[in-house]
Amino acid sequence: MNDSRIAEGISIYTTSLVFLFNMSRFFYELVRYGKENEKK
């Protein structure tokens, strides 16, 4: 296995991790916003 393929795999892995993190944070904000609206 050559280095360029390993580096490519790592970058794809990191990108997907960041994407998942952003999505989960977005859903967390969405749920929190919905709960605040229910209280009013």
PDB file of N, CA and C in Angstrom:
ATOM      1  N   MET A   1       0.857  -1.200   0.000  1.00  0.00           N
ATOM      2  CA  MET A   1       0.000   0.000   0.000  1.00  0.00           C
ATOM      3  C   MET A   1       0.890   1.247   0.000  1.00  0.00           C
ATOM      4  N   ASN A   2       0.669   2.119  -0.967  1.00  0.00           N
ATOM      5  CA  ASN A   2       1.536   3.298  -1.067  1.00  0.00           C
ATOM      6  C   ASN A   2       1.001   4.464  -0.240  1.00  0.00           C
ATOM      7  N   ASP A   3       1.876   5.433   0.019  1.00  0.00           N
ATOM      8  CA  ASP A   3       1.544   6.521   0.944  1.00  0.00           C
ATOM      9  C   ASP A   3       0.394   7.396   0.446  1.00  0.00           C
ATOM     10  N   SER A   4       0.321   7.625  -0.858  1.00  0.00           N
ATOM     11  CA  SER A   4      -0.721   8.515  -1.376  1.00  0.00           C
ATOM     12  C   SER A   4      -2.115   7.946  -1.108  1.00  0.00           C
ATOM     13  N   ARG A   5      -2.249   6.614  -1.219  1.00  0.00           N
ATOM     14  CA  ARG A   5      -3.562   6.011  -0.947  1.00  0.00           C
ATOM     15  C   ARG A   5      -3.902   6.099   0.529  1.00  0.00           C
ATOM     16  N   ILE A   6      -2.904   5.940   1.396  1.00  0.00           N
ATOM     17  CA  ILE A   6      -3.134   6.060   2.839  1.00  0.00           C
ATOM     18  C   ILE A   6      -3.551   7.489   3.178  1.00  0.00           C
ATOM     19  N   ALA A   7      -2.836   8.460   2.610  1.00  0.00           N
ATOM     20  CA  ALA A   7      -3.160   9.867   2.870  1.00  0.00           C
ATOM     21  C   ALA A   7      -4.564  10.194   2.372  1.00  0.00           C
ATOM     22  N   GLU A   8      -4.923   9.646   1.219  1.00  0.00           N
ATOM     23  CA  GLU A   8      -6.258   9.888   0.666  1.00  0.00           C
ATOM     24  C   GLU A   8      -7.322   9.304   1.586  1.00  0.00           C
ATOM     25  N   GLY A   9      -7.074   8.099   2.082  1.00  0.00           N
ATOM     26  CA  GLY A   9      -8.022   7.467   2.997  1.00  0.00           C
ATOM     27  C   GLY A   9      -8.181   8.250   4.282  1.00  0.00           C
ATOM     28  N   ILE A  10      -7.062   8.767   4.798  1.00  0.00           N
ATOM     29  CA  ILE A  10      -7.113   9.549   6.041  1.00  0.00           C
ATOM     30  C   ILE A  10      -7.904  10.832   5.819  1.00  0.00           C
ATOM     31  N   SER A  11      -7.687  11.498   4.684  1.00  0.00           N
ATOM     32  CA  SER A  11      -8.397  12.752   4.424  1.00  0.00           C
ATOM     33  C   SER A  11      -9.894  12.508   4.273  1.00  0.00           C
ATOM     34  N   ILE A  12     -10.265  11.408   3.603  1.00  0.00           N
ATOM     35  CA  ILE A  12     -11.687  11.064   3.461  1.00  0.00           C
ATOM     36  C   ILE A  12     -12.286  10.756   4.833  1.00  0.00           C
ATOM     37  N   TYR A  13     -11.541  10.013   5.654  1.00  0.00           N
ATOM     38  CA  TYR A  13     -11.996   9.657   6.990  1.00  0.00           C
ATOM     39  C   TYR A  13     -12.201  10.903   7.843  1.00  0.00           C
ATOM     40  N   THR A  14     -11.230  11.829   7.776  1.00  0.00           N
ATOM     41  CA  THR A  14     -11.322  13.065   8.554  1.00  0.00           C
ATOM     42  C   THR A  14     -12.499  13.912   8.087  1.00  0.00           C
ATOM     43  N   THR A  15     -12.676  13.993   6.765  1.00  0.00           N
ATOM     44  CA  THR A  15     -13.778  14.789   6.217  1.00  0.00           C
ATOM     45  C   THR A  15     -15.126  14.247   6.678  1.00  0.00           C
ATOM     46  N   SER A  16     -15.266  12.918   6.658  1.00  0.00           N
ATOM     47  CA  SER A  16     -16.535  12.320   7.076  1.00  0.00           C
ATOM     48  C   SER A  16     -16.759  12.508   8.570  1.00  0.00           C
ATOM     49  N   LEU A  17     -15.672  12.462   9.356  1.00  0.00           N
ATOM     50  CA  LEU A  17     -15.795  12.696  10.797  1.00  0.00           C
ATOM     51  C   LEU A  17     -16.285  14.110  11.062  1.00  0.00           C
ATOM     52  N   VAL A  18     -15.677  15.089  10.386  1.00  0.00           N
ATOM     53  CA  VAL A  18     -16.073  16.488  10.562  1.00  0.00           C
ATOM     54  C   VAL A  18     -17.519  16.684  10.124  1.00  0.00           C
ATOM     55  N   PHE A  19     -17.895  16.038   9.013  1.00  0.00           N
ATOM     56  CA  PHE A  19     -19.263  16.140   8.508  1.00  0.00           C
ATOM     57  C   PHE A  19     -20.252  15.583   9.527  1.00  0.00           C
ATOM     58  N   LEU A  20     -19.945  14.407  10.083  1.00  0.00           N
ATOM     59  CA  LEU A  20     -20.824  13.794  11.082  1.00  0.00           C
ATOM     60  C   LEU A  20     -20.932  14.672  12.321  1.00  0.00           C
ATOM     61  N   PHE A  21     -19.798  15.254  12.739  1.00  0.00           N
ATOM     62  CA  PHE A  21     -19.788  16.125  13.916  1.00  0.00           C
ATOM     63  C   PHE A  21     -20.674  17.341  13.684  1.00  0.00           C
ATOM     64  N   ASN A  22     -20.564  17.954  12.506  1.00  0.00           N
ATOM     65  CA  ASN A  22     -21.376  19.128  12.190  1.00  0.00           C
ATOM     66  C   ASN A  22     -22.855  18.770  12.121  1.00  0.00           C
ATOM     67  N   MET A  23     -23.178  17.614  11.555  1.00  0.00           N
ATOM     68  CA  MET A  23     -24.568  17.190  11.460  1.00  0.00           C
ATOM     69  C   MET A  23     -25.171  16.962  12.840  1.00  0.00           C
ATOM     70  N   SER A  24     -24.416  16.292  13.723  1.00  0.00           N
ATOM     71  CA  SER A  24     -24.929  16.021  15.067  1.00  0.00           C
ATOM     72  C   SER A  24     -25.119  17.321  15.837  1.00  0.00           C
ATOM     73  N   ARG A  25     -24.203  18.285  15.641  1.00  0.00           N
ATOM     74  CA  ARG A  25     -24.337  19.568  16.324  1.00  0.00           C
ATOM     75  C   ARG A  25     -25.554  20.315  15.792  1.00  0.00           C
ATOM     76  N   PHE A  26     -25.792  20.218  14.482  1.00  0.00           N
ATOM     77  CA  PHE A  26     -26.950  20.863  13.864  1.00  0.00           C
ATOM     78  C   PHE A  26     -28.252  20.286  14.413  1.00  0.00           C
ATOM     79  N   PHE A  27     -28.319  18.951  14.509  1.00  0.00           N
ATOM     80  CA  PHE A  27     -29.521  18.312  15.050  1.00  0.00           C
ATOM     81  C   PHE A  27     -29.719  18.667  16.521  1.00  0.00           C
ATOM     82  N   TYR A  28     -28.620  18.765  17.283  1.00  0.00           N
ATOM     83  CA  TYR A  28     -28.707  19.145  18.696  1.00  0.00           C
ATOM     84  C   TYR A  28     -29.304  20.538  18.833  1.00  0.00           C
ATOM     85  N   GLU A  29     -28.827  21.490  18.004  1.00  0.00           N
ATOM     86  CA  GLU A  29     -29.369  22.852  18.040  1.00  0.00           C
ATOM     87  C   GLU A  29     -30.843  22.845  17.638  1.00  0.00           C
ATOM     88  N   LEU A  30     -31.194  22.018  16.646  1.00  0.00           N
ATOM     89  CA  LEU A  30     -32.571  21.935  16.170  1.00  0.00           C
ATOM     90  C   LEU A  30     -33.492  21.439  17.282  1.00  0.00           C
ATOM     91  N   VAL A  31     -33.077  20.375  17.983  1.00  0.00           N
ATOM     92  CA  VAL A  31     -33.876  19.810  19.074  1.00  0.00           C
ATOM     93  C   VAL A  31     -34.001  20.820  20.208  1.00  0.00           C
ATOM     94  N   ARG A  32     -32.899  21.502  20.546  1.00  0.00           N
ATOM     95  CA  ARG A  32     -32.922  22.487  21.622  1.00  0.00           C
ATOM     96  C   ARG A  32     -33.858  23.634  21.265  1.00  0.00           C
ATOM     97  N   TYR A  33     -33.827  24.069  20.007  1.00  0.00           N
ATOM     98  CA  TYR A  33     -34.695  25.146  19.539  1.00  0.00           C
ATOM     99  C   TYR A  33     -36.163  24.732  19.631  1.00  0.00           C
ATOM    100  N   GLY A  34     -36.448  23.487  19.244  1.00  0.00           N
ATOM    101  CA  GLY A  34     -37.811  22.981  19.316  1.00  0.00           C
ATOM    102  C   GLY A  34     -38.319  22.917  20.748  1.00  0.00           C
ATOM    103  N   LYS A  35     -37.454  22.486  21.678  1.00  0.00           N
ATOM    104  CA  LYS A  35     -37.856  22.399  23.082  1.00  0.00           C
ATOM    105  C   LYS A  35     -38.132  23.786  23.657  1.00  0.00           C
ATOM    106  N   GLU A  36     -37.336  24.787  23.254  1.00  0.00           N
ATOM    107  CA  GLU A  36     -37.551  26.149  23.738  1.00  0.00           C
ATOM    108  C   GLU A  36     -38.879  26.696  23.233  1.00  0.00           C
ATOM    109  N   ASN A  37     -39.246  26.342  22.006  1.00  0.00           N
ATOM    110  CA  ASN A  37     -40.512  26.821  21.446  1.00  0.00           C
ATOM    111  C   ASN A  37     -41.703  26.168  22.131  1.00  0.00           C
ATOM    112  N   GLU A  38     -41.547  24.922  22.591  1.00  0.00           N
ATOM    113  CA  GLU A  38     -42.641  24.236  23.277  1.00  0.00           C
ATOM    114  C   GLU A  38     -42.963  24.903  24.609  1.00  0.00           C
ATOM    115  N   LYS A  39     -41.946  25.434  25.285  1.00  0.00           N
ATOM    116  CA  LYS A  39     -42.153  26.047  26.601  1.00  0.00           C
ATOM    117  C   LYS A  39     -43.020  27.297  26.520  1.00  0.00           C
ATOM    118  N   LYS A  40     -42.910  28.050  25.409  1.00  0.00           N
ATOM    119  CA  LYS A  40     -43.642  29.317  25.298  1.00  0.00           C
ATOM    120  C   LYS A  40     -45.157  29.116  25.210  1.00  0.00           C
TER     121      LYS A  40
END
